[in-house]
């Protein structure tokens, strides 16, 4: 996407793309205001793909966290960046796709596997949005040595002229407001909060930001286990979709007490159980490696704790076992 700007300094080589990004380490609770240098700044944790916009003197490219050029996957975002982001800028953020009033990670993944000739039609049908939360360069100048507070001020000035699909991620220093976001935004698929220090510099490749995920309890069926009926090591969770029992996730490893509680109520599956004898070790039960699956009668309801990351009703991240629910029946479990 050529748009030459004579006289503008070239971006530093390390910001010309691909760009190394700062990362976040998980914490279990929302940090107090003074936990990070300069005071905490709280932002929503968007359920999308990390994407860096590199707008240099002659082109606009979109780079993933893994260093992949995704410009051709998100032409809607690239066109908006070309039109609205000044040359010499490098913007850090997240690309998301809304499906009604909730973020839809599955639609993002579809962009990654769609044939190039069909991307434009897909972008028209389900347009992407770009949520910016940091500015690494402006006017060709590297801003990473500036504090977050200073970078944010320049980003807000730049974003003041934006229109969708470009938008600025909200930020607050108020822990009460952050807690309200944490609770209220979950329904939209926002995964929790990212917390940053206002006086910190941008640290590529380092986990100096913090992230805290929003979890809530829900019910699933015990459709199978990894391990044996009397010594399960993980629960494979199921729900019904149009009358068919499907895998919707699995738990993290069970503690001895959790394993004993679950084993006490499991029963062997009947011959008509629809699941295979082995299940993949990867996300959604896929991947090249597989392990034996012990199928069980899907009558036991289990309460699990899950984060907000869903794809077509399937939990993208491991579930946490909470307890069995003998007071509930299979028909009480929500369908996919």
C-alpha atoms as a PDB file:
ATOM      1  CA  UNK A   1       0.000   0.000   0.000  1.00  0.00           C
ATOM      2  CA  UNK A   2       2.314   2.785  -1.216  1.00  0.00           C
ATOM      3  CA  UNK A   3       2.018   6.272   0.183  1.00  0.00           C
ATOM      4  CA  UNK A   4       5.391   7.993   0.183  1.00  0.00           C
ATOM      5  CA  UNK A   5       6.095  10.795   2.649  1.00  0.00           C
ATOM      6  CA  UNK A   6       9.283  12.617   1.564  1.00  0.00           C
ATOM      7  CA  UNK A   7      11.502  13.869   4.376  1.00  0.00           C
ATOM      8  CA  UNK A   8      10.000  11.682   7.120  1.00  0.00           C
ATOM      9  CA  UNK A   9      12.701   9.783   9.040  1.00  0.00           C
ATOM     10  CA  UNK A  10      12.673   6.041   8.461  1.00  0.00           C
ATOM     11  CA  UNK A  11      11.539   3.844  11.317  1.00  0.00           C
ATOM     12  CA  UNK A  12      14.264   2.121  13.354  1.00  0.00           C
ATOM     13  CA  UNK A  13      14.999  -1.335  11.838  1.00  0.00           C
ATOM     14  CA  UNK A  14      13.527  -3.168  14.842  1.00  0.00           C
ATOM     15  CA  UNK A  15      10.224  -1.344  14.345  1.00  0.00           C
ATOM     16  CA  UNK A  16      10.012  -1.834  10.582  1.00  0.00           C
ATOM     17  CA  UNK A  17       8.433  -5.270  11.095  1.00  0.00           C
ATOM     18  CA  UNK A  18       8.083  -7.840  12.396  1.00  0.00           C
ATOM     19  CA  UNK A  19       7.908  -6.147  15.805  1.00  0.00           C
ATOM     20  CA  UNK A  20       8.657  -7.769  19.170  1.00  0.00           C
ATOM     21  CA  UNK A  21       5.870  -6.968  21.630  1.00  0.00           C
ATOM     22  CA  UNK A  22       5.670  -6.691  25.385  1.00  0.00           C
ATOM     23  CA  UNK A  23       3.871  -9.589  27.074  1.00  0.00           C
ATOM     24  CA  UNK A  24       1.838 -10.129  30.237  1.00  0.00           C
ATOM     25  CA  UNK A  25       2.148 -12.696  32.994  1.00  0.00           C
ATOM     26  CA  UNK A  26      -0.968 -14.143  34.634  1.00  0.00           C
ATOM     27  CA  UNK A  27      -2.022 -13.247  38.166  1.00  0.00           C
ATOM     28  CA  UNK A  28      -5.028 -14.535  40.085  1.00  0.00           C
ATOM     29  CA  UNK A  29      -6.411 -11.275  41.488  1.00  0.00           C
ATOM     30  CA  UNK A  30      -6.694  -7.675  40.322  1.00  0.00           C
ATOM     31  CA  UNK A  31      -3.537  -5.872  41.544  1.00  0.00           C
ATOM     32  CA  UNK A  32      -3.982  -2.883  43.874  1.00  0.00           C
ATOM     33  CA  UNK A  33      -3.287   0.616  42.488  1.00  0.00           C
ATOM     34  CA  UNK A  34       0.294   0.791  43.758  1.00  0.00           C
ATOM     35  CA  UNK A  35       1.408  -2.652  42.590  1.00  0.00           C
ATOM     36  CA  UNK A  36       3.350  -1.365  39.556  1.00  0.00           C
ATOM     37  CA  UNK A  37       5.744   1.523  39.009  1.00  0.00           C
ATOM     38  CA  UNK A  38       3.933   4.825  38.631  1.00  0.00           C
ATOM     39  CA  UNK A  39       0.613   3.310  39.623  1.00  0.00           C
ATOM     40  CA  UNK A  40      -1.528   0.720  37.872  1.00  0.00           C
ATOM     41  CA  UNK A  41      -3.394   1.390  34.662  1.00  0.00           C
ATOM     42  CA  UNK A  42      -6.161  -1.119  33.958  1.00  0.00           C
ATOM     43  CA  UNK A  43      -7.362  -2.055  30.458  1.00  0.00           C
ATOM     44  CA  UNK A  44      -9.818  -4.671  29.127  1.00  0.00           C
ATOM     45  CA  UNK A  45      -8.224  -7.909  27.915  1.00  0.00           C
ATOM     46  CA  UNK A  46      -9.651  -8.303  24.425  1.00  0.00           C
ATOM     47  CA  UNK A  47     -10.291 -11.761  22.967  1.00  0.00           C
ATOM     48  CA  UNK A  48      -8.597 -11.367  19.608  1.00  0.00           C
ATOM     49  CA  UNK A  49      -5.241 -11.494  17.824  1.00  0.00           C
ATOM     50  CA  UNK A  50      -2.383  -9.249  18.887  1.00  0.00           C
ATOM     51  CA  UNK A  51      -1.586  -7.082  15.895  1.00  0.00           C
ATOM     52  CA  UNK A  52       1.016  -4.349  15.355  1.00  0.00           C
ATOM     53  CA  UNK A  53       0.346  -1.713  12.697  1.00  0.00           C
ATOM     54  CA  UNK A  54       3.561  -0.528  11.032  1.00  0.00           C
ATOM     55  CA  UNK A  55       2.860   2.613   9.009  1.00  0.00           C
ATOM     56  CA  UNK A  56       6.143   3.661   7.475  1.00  0.00           C
ATOM     57  CA  UNK A  57       6.930   6.125   4.688  1.00  0.00           C
ATOM     58  CA  UNK A  58       5.833   3.891   1.834  1.00  0.00           C
ATOM     59  CA  UNK A  59       3.603   1.085   3.126  1.00  0.00           C
ATOM     60  CA  UNK A  60       1.277  -0.202   5.818  1.00  0.00           C
ATOM     61  CA  UNK A  61       1.791  -3.714   7.198  1.00  0.00           C
ATOM     62  CA  UNK A  62       0.097  -5.695   9.963  1.00  0.00           C
ATOM     63  CA  UNK A  63       2.291  -8.008  12.045  1.00  0.00           C
ATOM     64  CA  UNK A  64       1.230 -10.733  14.465  1.00  0.00           C
ATOM     65  CA  UNK A  65       2.815 -11.420  17.834  1.00  0.00           C
ATOM     66  CA  UNK A  66       4.582 -14.402  16.235  1.00  0.00           C
ATOM     67  CA  UNK A  67       6.080 -12.214  13.487  1.00  0.00           C
ATOM     68  CA  UNK A  68       3.694 -13.200  10.691  1.00  0.00           C
ATOM     69  CA  UNK A  69       2.584 -10.620   8.139  1.00  0.00           C
ATOM     70  CA  UNK A  70      -1.240 -10.614   8.318  1.00  0.00           C
ATOM     71  CA  UNK A  71      -1.899  -7.638   6.066  1.00  0.00           C
ATOM     72  CA  UNK A  72      -3.668  -9.794   3.492  1.00  0.00           C
ATOM     73  CA  UNK A  73      -5.858 -11.409   6.186  1.00  0.00           C
ATOM     74  CA  UNK A  74      -7.218  -8.088   7.455  1.00  0.00           C
ATOM     75  CA  UNK A  75      -7.467  -5.748   4.459  1.00  0.00           C
ATOM     76  CA  UNK A  76     -10.226  -3.794   6.220  1.00  0.00           C
ATOM     77  CA  UNK A  77      -7.901  -2.888   9.097  1.00  0.00           C
ATOM     78  CA  UNK A  78      -4.972  -2.247   6.733  1.00  0.00           C
ATOM     79  CA  UNK A  79      -7.023   0.157   4.612  1.00  0.00           C
ATOM     80  CA  UNK A  80      -8.195   2.054   7.692  1.00  0.00           C
ATOM     81  CA  UNK A  81      -4.646   2.293   9.010  1.00  0.00           C
ATOM     82  CA  UNK A  82      -3.408   3.599   5.677  1.00  0.00           C
ATOM     83  CA  UNK A  83      -6.066   6.291   5.695  1.00  0.00           C
ATOM     84  CA  UNK A  84      -6.015   7.287   9.369  1.00  0.00           C
ATOM     85  CA  UNK A  85      -2.639   6.469  10.934  1.00  0.00           C
ATOM     86  CA  UNK A  86       0.108   8.984  10.132  1.00  0.00           C
ATOM     87  CA  UNK A  87       3.219   7.729   8.380  1.00  0.00           C
ATOM     88  CA  UNK A  88       6.055   6.965  10.776  1.00  0.00           C
ATOM     89  CA  UNK A  89       3.732   5.346  13.356  1.00  0.00           C
ATOM     90  CA  UNK A  90       3.814   1.915  14.990  1.00  0.00           C
ATOM     91  CA  UNK A  91       0.663   0.994  16.913  1.00  0.00           C
ATOM     92  CA  UNK A  92       0.217  -1.985  19.232  1.00  0.00           C
ATOM     93  CA  UNK A  93      -3.237  -3.454  19.748  1.00  0.00           C
ATOM     94  CA  UNK A  94      -5.684  -6.270  19.166  1.00  0.00           C
ATOM     95  CA  UNK A  95      -7.817  -7.151  16.158  1.00  0.00           C
ATOM     96  CA  UNK A  96     -11.277  -8.457  17.049  1.00  0.00           C
ATOM     97  CA  UNK A  97     -14.509  -9.342  15.258  1.00  0.00           C
ATOM     98  CA  UNK A  98     -17.914  -8.695  16.785  1.00  0.00           C
ATOM     99  CA  UNK A  99     -20.802 -11.081  16.205  1.00  0.00           C
ATOM    100  CA  UNK A 100     -23.807  -9.207  17.530  1.00  0.00           C
ATOM    101  CA  UNK A 101     -22.917  -8.019  21.016  1.00  0.00           C
ATOM    102  CA  UNK A 102     -20.114 -10.535  21.656  1.00  0.00           C
ATOM    103  CA  UNK A 103     -16.588 -11.014  20.377  1.00  0.00           C
ATOM    104  CA  UNK A 104     -16.268 -14.038  18.089  1.00  0.00           C
ATOM    105  CA  UNK A 105     -12.837 -15.668  18.012  1.00  0.00           C
ATOM    106  CA  UNK A 106     -14.044 -18.245  15.494  1.00  0.00           C
ATOM    107  CA  UNK A 107     -14.616 -15.543  12.893  1.00  0.00           C
ATOM    108  CA  UNK A 108     -11.036 -14.381  13.430  1.00  0.00           C
ATOM    109  CA  UNK A 109      -9.746 -17.900  12.883  1.00  0.00           C
ATOM    110  CA  UNK A 110     -11.785 -18.145   9.703  1.00  0.00           C
ATOM    111  CA  UNK A 111      -9.802 -15.206   8.314  1.00  0.00           C
ATOM    112  CA  UNK A 112      -6.626 -17.235   8.773  1.00  0.00           C
ATOM    113  CA  UNK A 113      -7.750 -20.202   6.663  1.00  0.00           C
ATOM    114  CA  UNK A 114      -9.911 -18.543   4.001  1.00  0.00           C
ATOM    115  CA  UNK A 115      -8.591 -18.513   0.447  1.00  0.00           C
ATOM    116  CA  UNK A 116      -7.090 -15.179  -0.517  1.00  0.00           C
ATOM    117  CA  UNK A 117      -9.689 -14.639  -3.242  1.00  0.00           C
ATOM    118  CA  UNK A 118     -12.499 -14.803  -0.658  1.00  0.00           C
ATOM    119  CA  UNK A 119     -11.011 -12.552   2.027  1.00  0.00           C
ATOM    120  CA  UNK A 120     -12.600  -9.368   0.664  1.00  0.00           C
ATOM    121  CA  UNK A 121     -16.073 -10.917   0.764  1.00  0.00           C
ATOM    122  CA  UNK A 122     -15.487 -12.203   4.263  1.00  0.00           C
ATOM    123  CA  UNK A 123     -14.274  -8.789   5.419  1.00  0.00           C
ATOM    124  CA  UNK A 124     -17.430  -7.225   3.999  1.00  0.00           C
ATOM    125  CA  UNK A 125     -19.676  -9.793   5.709  1.00  0.00           C
ATOM    126  CA  UNK A 126     -17.925  -9.816   9.101  1.00  0.00           C
ATOM    127  CA  UNK A 127     -15.677  -6.731   9.338  1.00  0.00           C
ATOM    128  CA  UNK A 128     -12.858  -6.630  11.847  1.00  0.00           C
ATOM    129  CA  UNK A 129     -12.181  -3.920  14.424  1.00  0.00           C
ATOM    130  CA  UNK A 130      -8.801  -2.807  15.711  1.00  0.00           C
ATOM    131  CA  UNK A 131      -8.444  -1.837  19.374  1.00  0.00           C
ATOM    132  CA  UNK A 132      -5.228   0.140  19.998  1.00  0.00           C
ATOM    133  CA  UNK A 133      -3.610   0.239  23.436  1.00  0.00           C
ATOM    134  CA  UNK A 134      -0.016   1.397  22.885  1.00  0.00           C
ATOM    135  CA  UNK A 135       2.099   3.522  20.556  1.00  0.00           C
ATOM    136  CA  UNK A 136       5.670   2.430  19.839  1.00  0.00           C
ATOM    137  CA  UNK A 137       6.606   5.116  17.304  1.00  0.00           C
ATOM    138  CA  UNK A 138       5.267   8.447  16.047  1.00  0.00           C
ATOM    139  CA  UNK A 139       6.696  10.703  13.380  1.00  0.00           C
ATOM    140  CA  UNK A 140       9.406   8.099  12.799  1.00  0.00           C
ATOM    141  CA  UNK A 141      10.591   8.419  16.431  1.00  0.00           C
ATOM    142  CA  UNK A 142      10.945   5.347  18.662  1.00  0.00           C
ATOM    143  CA  UNK A 143       8.756   5.928  21.746  1.00  0.00           C
ATOM    144  CA  UNK A 144       9.503   2.698  23.579  1.00  0.00           C
ATOM    145  CA  UNK A 145      11.850   4.406  26.040  1.00  0.00           C
ATOM    146  CA  UNK A 146       9.069   6.812  27.063  1.00  0.00           C
ATOM    147  CA  UNK A 147       6.794   5.989  29.974  1.00  0.00           C
ATOM    148  CA  UNK A 148       3.439   4.373  29.369  1.00  0.00           C
ATOM    149  CA  UNK A 149       1.764   7.585  30.511  1.00  0.00           C
ATOM    150  CA  UNK A 150       3.577   9.595  27.858  1.00  0.00           C
ATOM    151  CA  UNK A 151       2.993   7.012  25.115  1.00  0.00           C
ATOM    152  CA  UNK A 152      -0.683   6.884  26.005  1.00  0.00           C
ATOM    153  CA  UNK A 153      -1.021  10.671  25.787  1.00  0.00           C
ATOM    154  CA  UNK A 154       0.428  10.704  22.262  1.00  0.00           C
ATOM    155  CA  UNK A 155      -1.759   7.737  21.280  1.00  0.00           C
ATOM    156  CA  UNK A 156      -4.894   9.488  22.538  1.00  0.00           C
ATOM    157  CA  UNK A 157      -4.020  12.577  20.496  1.00  0.00           C
ATOM    158  CA  UNK A 158      -3.496  10.440  17.404  1.00  0.00           C
ATOM    159  CA  UNK A 159      -6.688   8.409  17.962  1.00  0.00           C
ATOM    160  CA  UNK A 160      -8.824  11.509  18.444  1.00  0.00           C
ATOM    161  CA  UNK A 161      -9.214  11.656  14.653  1.00  0.00           C
ATOM    162  CA  UNK A 162      -9.991   7.957  14.149  1.00  0.00           C
ATOM    163  CA  UNK A 163     -13.232   6.430  12.975  1.00  0.00           C
ATOM    164  CA  UNK A 164     -14.185   2.717  12.974  1.00  0.00           C
ATOM    165  CA  UNK A 165     -12.769   0.160  12.514  1.00  0.00           C
ATOM    166  CA  UNK A 166      -9.934   1.849  14.435  1.00  0.00           C
ATOM    167  CA  UNK A 167     -10.656   2.555  18.082  1.00  0.00           C
ATOM    168  CA  UNK A 168      -8.839   3.286  21.308  1.00  0.00           C
ATOM    169  CA  UNK A 169      -8.938   0.776  24.148  1.00  0.00           C
ATOM    170  CA  UNK A 170     -10.240   2.349  27.368  1.00  0.00           C
ATOM    171  CA  UNK A 171      -7.926   2.668  30.354  1.00  0.00           C
ATOM    172  CA  UNK A 172      -8.503   3.631  33.974  1.00  0.00           C
ATOM    173  CA  UNK A 173      -6.466   4.200  37.130  1.00  0.00           C
ATOM    174  CA  UNK A 174      -9.535   3.602  39.291  1.00  0.00           C
ATOM    175  CA  UNK A 175      -9.614   0.042  40.706  1.00  0.00           C
ATOM    176  CA  UNK A 176     -13.356   0.278  41.315  1.00  0.00           C
ATOM    177  CA  UNK A 177     -13.998   1.093  37.667  1.00  0.00           C
ATOM    178  CA  UNK A 178     -11.602  -1.680  36.657  1.00  0.00           C
ATOM    179  CA  UNK A 179     -13.539  -4.145  38.811  1.00  0.00           C
ATOM    180  CA  UNK A 180     -16.783  -3.050  37.136  1.00  0.00           C
ATOM    181  CA  UNK A 181     -15.244  -3.638  33.704  1.00  0.00           C
ATOM    182  CA  UNK A 182     -13.978  -7.013  34.903  1.00  0.00           C
ATOM    183  CA  UNK A 183     -17.490  -8.060  35.897  1.00  0.00           C
ATOM    184  CA  UNK A 184     -19.620  -6.336  33.273  1.00  0.00           C
ATOM    185  CA  UNK A 185     -17.559  -6.827  30.113  1.00  0.00           C
ATOM    186  CA  UNK A 186     -17.395 -10.606  30.446  1.00  0.00           C
ATOM    187  CA  UNK A 187     -20.774 -10.992  28.740  1.00  0.00           C
ATOM    188  CA  UNK A 188     -19.239  -9.453  25.611  1.00  0.00           C
ATOM    189  CA  UNK A 189     -16.386 -11.988  25.554  1.00  0.00           C
ATOM    190  CA  UNK A 190     -13.798  -9.696  27.159  1.00  0.00           C
ATOM    191  CA  UNK A 191     -11.441 -12.046  29.018  1.00  0.00           C
ATOM    192  CA  UNK A 192     -10.518  -9.851  31.979  1.00  0.00           C
ATOM    193  CA  UNK A 193      -7.962  -7.104  32.532  1.00  0.00           C
ATOM    194  CA  UNK A 194      -4.402  -6.229  31.528  1.00  0.00           C
ATOM    195  CA  UNK A 195      -2.562  -4.128  34.108  1.00  0.00           C
ATOM    196  CA  UNK A 196       0.445  -1.888  33.335  1.00  0.00           C
ATOM    197  CA  UNK A 197       2.634   0.509  35.277  1.00  0.00           C
ATOM    198  CA  UNK A 198       2.153   4.160  34.271  1.00  0.00           C
ATOM    199  CA  UNK A 199       5.856   4.962  34.663  1.00  0.00           C
ATOM    200  CA  UNK A 200       7.192   1.884  32.859  1.00  0.00           C
ATOM    201  CA  UNK A 201       8.928   1.734  29.502  1.00  0.00           C
ATOM    202  CA  UNK A 202       7.904  -0.638  26.716  1.00  0.00           C
ATOM    203  CA  UNK A 203       9.871  -3.885  27.158  1.00  0.00           C
ATOM    204  CA  UNK A 204       9.765  -6.070  24.011  1.00  0.00           C
ATOM    205  CA  UNK A 205       9.631  -9.794  24.733  1.00  0.00           C
ATOM    206  CA  UNK A 206       9.364  -9.350  28.500  1.00  0.00           C
ATOM    207  CA  UNK A 207       6.367 -10.188  30.692  1.00  0.00           C
ATOM    208  CA  UNK A 208       6.196  -7.011  32.751  1.00  0.00           C
ATOM    209  CA  UNK A 209       2.491  -6.393  32.250  1.00  0.00           C
ATOM    210  CA  UNK A 210       0.001  -8.390  34.301  1.00  0.00           C
ATOM    211  CA  UNK A 211      -3.176 -10.113  33.151  1.00  0.00           C
ATOM    212  CA  UNK A 212      -6.038 -11.352  35.278  1.00  0.00           C
ATOM    213  CA  UNK A 213      -8.750 -13.451  33.689  1.00  0.00           C
ATOM    214  CA  UNK A 214     -12.427 -13.348  34.508  1.00  0.00           C
ATOM    215  CA  UNK A 215     -13.784 -16.738  35.576  1.00  0.00           C
ATOM    216  CA  UNK A 216     -17.318 -17.857  36.311  1.00  0.00           C
ATOM    217  CA  UNK A 217     -18.918 -21.161  37.199  1.00  0.00           C
ATOM    218  CA  UNK A 218     -21.003 -23.146  34.741  1.00  0.00           C
ATOM    219  CA  UNK A 219     -22.195 -26.724  34.341  1.00  0.00           C
ATOM    220  CA  UNK A 220     -21.039 -29.445  31.964  1.00  0.00           C
ATOM    221  CA  UNK A 221     -21.548 -33.184  31.633  1.00  0.00           C
ATOM    222  CA  UNK A 222     -18.861 -35.711  32.466  1.00  0.00           C
ATOM    223  CA  UNK A 223     -18.563 -37.309  29.023  1.00  0.00           C
ATOM    224  CA  UNK A 224     -15.177 -38.907  29.552  1.00  0.00           C
ATOM    225  CA  UNK A 225     -11.945 -38.801  31.505  1.00  0.00           C
ATOM    226  CA  UNK A 226      -8.252 -39.071  30.865  1.00  0.00           C
ATOM    227  CA  UNK A 227      -7.114 -41.943  33.049  1.00  0.00           C
ATOM    228  CA  UNK A 228      -9.307 -44.655  34.512  1.00  0.00           C
ATOM    229  CA  UNK A 229     -12.768 -44.513  36.045  1.00  0.00           C
ATOM    230  CA  UNK A 230     -11.353 -44.991  39.534  1.00  0.00           C
ATOM    231  CA  UNK A 231      -8.365 -42.651  39.006  1.00  0.00           C
ATOM    232  CA  UNK A 232      -9.290 -39.901  36.553  1.00  0.00           C
ATOM    233  CA  UNK A 233      -6.585 -37.325  35.897  1.00  0.00           C
ATOM    234  CA  UNK A 234      -8.659 -34.903  33.783  1.00  0.00           C
ATOM    235  CA  UNK A 235     -12.339 -34.499  33.026  1.00  0.00           C
ATOM    236  CA  UNK A 236     -13.402 -34.261  29.374  1.00  0.00           C
ATOM    237  CA  UNK A 237     -16.497 -32.074  29.385  1.00  0.00           C
ATOM    238  CA  UNK A 238     -19.513 -32.496  27.163  1.00  0.00           C
ATOM    239  CA  UNK A 239     -22.709 -30.699  26.224  1.00  0.00           C
ATOM    240  CA  UNK A 240     -25.471 -31.507  23.782  1.00  0.00           C
ATOM    241  CA  UNK A 241     -25.703 -29.838  20.390  1.00  0.00           C
ATOM    242  CA  UNK A 242     -28.883 -30.655  18.495  1.00  0.00           C
ATOM    243  CA  UNK A 243     -29.241 -33.878  20.478  1.00  0.00           C
ATOM    244  CA  UNK A 244     -25.616 -35.008  20.010  1.00  0.00           C
ATOM    245  CA  UNK A 245     -23.085 -35.102  22.850  1.00  0.00           C
ATOM    246  CA  UNK A 246     -20.019 -33.083  21.817  1.00  0.00           C
ATOM    247  CA  UNK A 247     -16.710 -32.297  23.512  1.00  0.00           C
ATOM    248  CA  UNK A 248     -16.682 -28.709  24.794  1.00  0.00           C
ATOM    249  CA  UNK A 249     -13.450 -28.718  26.799  1.00  0.00           C
ATOM    250  CA  UNK A 250     -11.361 -30.419  29.410  1.00  0.00           C
ATOM    251  CA  UNK A 251     -10.194 -29.537  32.865  1.00  0.00           C
ATOM    252  CA  UNK A 252      -6.712 -28.870  34.081  1.00  0.00           C
ATOM    253  CA  UNK A 253      -5.239 -31.840  36.032  1.00  0.00           C
ATOM    254  CA  UNK A 254      -7.397 -32.922  38.946  1.00  0.00           C
ATOM    255  CA  UNK A 255      -6.154 -32.896  42.527  1.00  0.00           C
ATOM    256  CA  UNK A 256      -6.346 -36.213  44.434  1.00  0.00           C
ATOM    257  CA  UNK A 257      -9.438 -34.988  46.261  1.00  0.00           C
ATOM    258  CA  UNK A 258     -11.152 -33.891  43.054  1.00  0.00           C
ATOM    259  CA  UNK A 259     -10.293 -37.174  41.357  1.00  0.00           C
ATOM    260  CA  UNK A 260     -11.788 -39.144  44.251  1.00  0.00           C
ATOM    261  CA  UNK A 261     -14.966 -37.029  44.242  1.00  0.00           C
ATOM    262  CA  UNK A 262     -15.440 -37.559  40.525  1.00  0.00           C
ATOM    263  CA  UNK A 263     -14.553 -41.270  40.554  1.00  0.00           C
ATOM    264  CA  UNK A 264     -17.226 -41.929  43.179  1.00  0.00           C
ATOM    265  CA  UNK A 265     -20.033 -41.008  40.745  1.00  0.00           C
ATOM    266  CA  UNK A 266     -18.723 -42.117  37.341  1.00  0.00           C
ATOM    267  CA  UNK A 267     -20.269 -45.055  35.517  1.00  0.00           C
ATOM    268  CA  UNK A 268     -19.005 -46.890  32.416  1.00  0.00           C
ATOM    269  CA  UNK A 269     -20.431 -45.695  29.092  1.00  0.00           C
ATOM    270  CA  UNK A 270     -22.958 -47.661  27.098  1.00  0.00           C
ATOM    271  CA  UNK A 271     -22.091 -48.975  23.647  1.00  0.00           C
ATOM    272  CA  UNK A 272     -23.790 -46.054  21.921  1.00  0.00           C
ATOM    273  CA  UNK A 273     -21.502 -43.406  23.438  1.00  0.00           C
ATOM    274  CA  UNK A 274     -20.548 -41.217  20.422  1.00  0.00           C
ATOM    275  CA  UNK A 275     -16.986 -40.298  21.382  1.00  0.00           C
ATOM    276  CA  UNK A 276     -13.841 -42.043  20.051  1.00  0.00           C
ATOM    277  CA  UNK A 277     -11.479 -44.197  22.087  1.00  0.00           C
ATOM    278  CA  UNK A 278      -8.682 -41.650  21.831  1.00  0.00           C
ATOM    279  CA  UNK A 279      -8.617 -37.869  22.021  1.00  0.00           C
ATOM    280  CA  UNK A 280      -6.027 -35.347  20.880  1.00  0.00           C
ATOM    281  CA  UNK A 281      -3.881 -33.558  23.404  1.00  0.00           C
ATOM    282  CA  UNK A 282      -4.181 -30.188  21.673  1.00  0.00           C
ATOM    283  CA  UNK A 283      -6.770 -27.462  21.989  1.00  0.00           C
ATOM    284  CA  UNK A 284     -10.364 -28.632  21.274  1.00  0.00           C
ATOM    285  CA  UNK A 285      -9.158 -32.247  21.474  1.00  0.00           C
ATOM    286  CA  UNK A 286      -7.138 -31.928  18.265  1.00  0.00           C
ATOM    287  CA  UNK A 287      -3.436 -32.081  17.529  1.00  0.00           C
ATOM    288  CA  UNK A 288      -1.177 -34.826  16.284  1.00  0.00           C
ATOM    289  CA  UNK A 289      -0.690 -36.520  19.636  1.00  0.00           C
ATOM    290  CA  UNK A 290      -3.532 -38.437  21.250  1.00  0.00           C
ATOM    291  CA  UNK A 291      -4.217 -40.219  24.521  1.00  0.00           C
ATOM    292  CA  UNK A 292      -6.739 -42.911  25.498  1.00  0.00           C
ATOM    293  CA  UNK A 293     -10.170 -41.577  26.410  1.00  0.00           C
ATOM    294  CA  UNK A 294     -12.249 -43.407  28.991  1.00  0.00           C
ATOM    295  CA  UNK A 295     -15.844 -42.773  28.021  1.00  0.00           C
ATOM    296  CA  UNK A 296     -18.399 -42.501  30.813  1.00  0.00           C
ATOM    297  CA  UNK A 297     -22.168 -42.431  31.042  1.00  0.00           C
ATOM    298  CA  UNK A 298     -23.001 -38.727  30.432  1.00  0.00           C
ATOM    299  CA  UNK A 299     -25.369 -38.379  33.367  1.00  0.00           C
ATOM    300  CA  UNK A 300     -23.065 -36.737  35.910  1.00  0.00           C
ATOM    301  CA  UNK A 301     -23.260 -32.943  36.051  1.00  0.00           C
ATOM    302  CA  UNK A 302     -20.065 -31.153  37.050  1.00  0.00           C
ATOM    303  CA  UNK A 303     -19.620 -27.519  37.996  1.00  0.00           C
ATOM    304  CA  UNK A 304     -16.511 -26.009  36.416  1.00  0.00           C
ATOM    305  CA  UNK A 305     -14.920 -22.588  36.377  1.00  0.00           C
ATOM    306  CA  UNK A 306     -14.312 -21.166  32.904  1.00  0.00           C
ATOM    307  CA  UNK A 307     -12.915 -17.988  31.428  1.00  0.00           C
ATOM    308  CA  UNK A 308     -14.677 -15.944  28.769  1.00  0.00           C
ATOM    309  CA  UNK A 309     -12.845 -17.438  25.780  1.00  0.00           C
ATOM    310  CA  UNK A 310     -15.406 -19.371  23.741  1.00  0.00           C
ATOM    311  CA  UNK A 311     -15.476 -20.538  20.147  1.00  0.00           C
ATOM    312  CA  UNK A 312     -18.791 -21.872  18.837  1.00  0.00           C
ATOM    313  CA  UNK A 313     -19.732 -22.873  22.367  1.00  0.00           C
ATOM    314  CA  UNK A 314     -16.424 -24.642  23.024  1.00  0.00           C
ATOM    315  CA  UNK A 315     -14.111 -23.500  25.826  1.00  0.00           C
ATOM    316  CA  UNK A 316     -10.756 -22.553  24.305  1.00  0.00           C
ATOM    317  CA  UNK A 317      -8.808 -22.738  27.576  1.00  0.00           C
ATOM    318  CA  UNK A 318      -8.678 -25.428  30.268  1.00  0.00           C
ATOM    319  CA  UNK A 319     -11.547 -25.565  32.736  1.00  0.00           C
ATOM    320  CA  UNK A 320     -11.151 -25.733  36.508  1.00  0.00           C
ATOM    321  CA  UNK A 321     -13.015 -28.505  38.313  1.00  0.00           C
ATOM    322  CA  UNK A 322     -15.176 -27.083  41.123  1.00  0.00           C
ATOM    323  CA  UNK A 323     -17.434 -29.942  42.282  1.00  0.00           C
ATOM    324  CA  UNK A 324     -19.922 -32.543  41.165  1.00  0.00           C
ATOM    325  CA  UNK A 325     -23.582 -31.491  41.172  1.00  0.00           C
ATOM    326  CA  UNK A 326     -25.782 -34.426  42.224  1.00  0.00           C
ATOM    327  CA  UNK A 327     -28.684 -31.987  42.583  1.00  0.00           C
ATOM    328  CA  UNK A 328     -28.742 -31.370  38.811  1.00  0.00           C
ATOM    329  CA  UNK A 329     -29.750 -33.595  35.908  1.00  0.00           C
ATOM    330  CA  UNK A 330     -28.314 -33.787  32.402  1.00  0.00           C
ATOM    331  CA  UNK A 331     -31.203 -31.736  30.992  1.00  0.00           C
ATOM    332  CA  UNK A 332     -30.262 -28.886  33.362  1.00  0.00           C
ATOM    333  CA  UNK A 333     -26.960 -28.363  31.527  1.00  0.00           C
ATOM    334  CA  UNK A 334     -27.133 -25.607  28.890  1.00  0.00           C
ATOM    335  CA  UNK A 335     -26.781 -26.851  25.285  1.00  0.00           C
ATOM    336  CA  UNK A 336     -24.102 -25.690  22.878  1.00  0.00           C
END
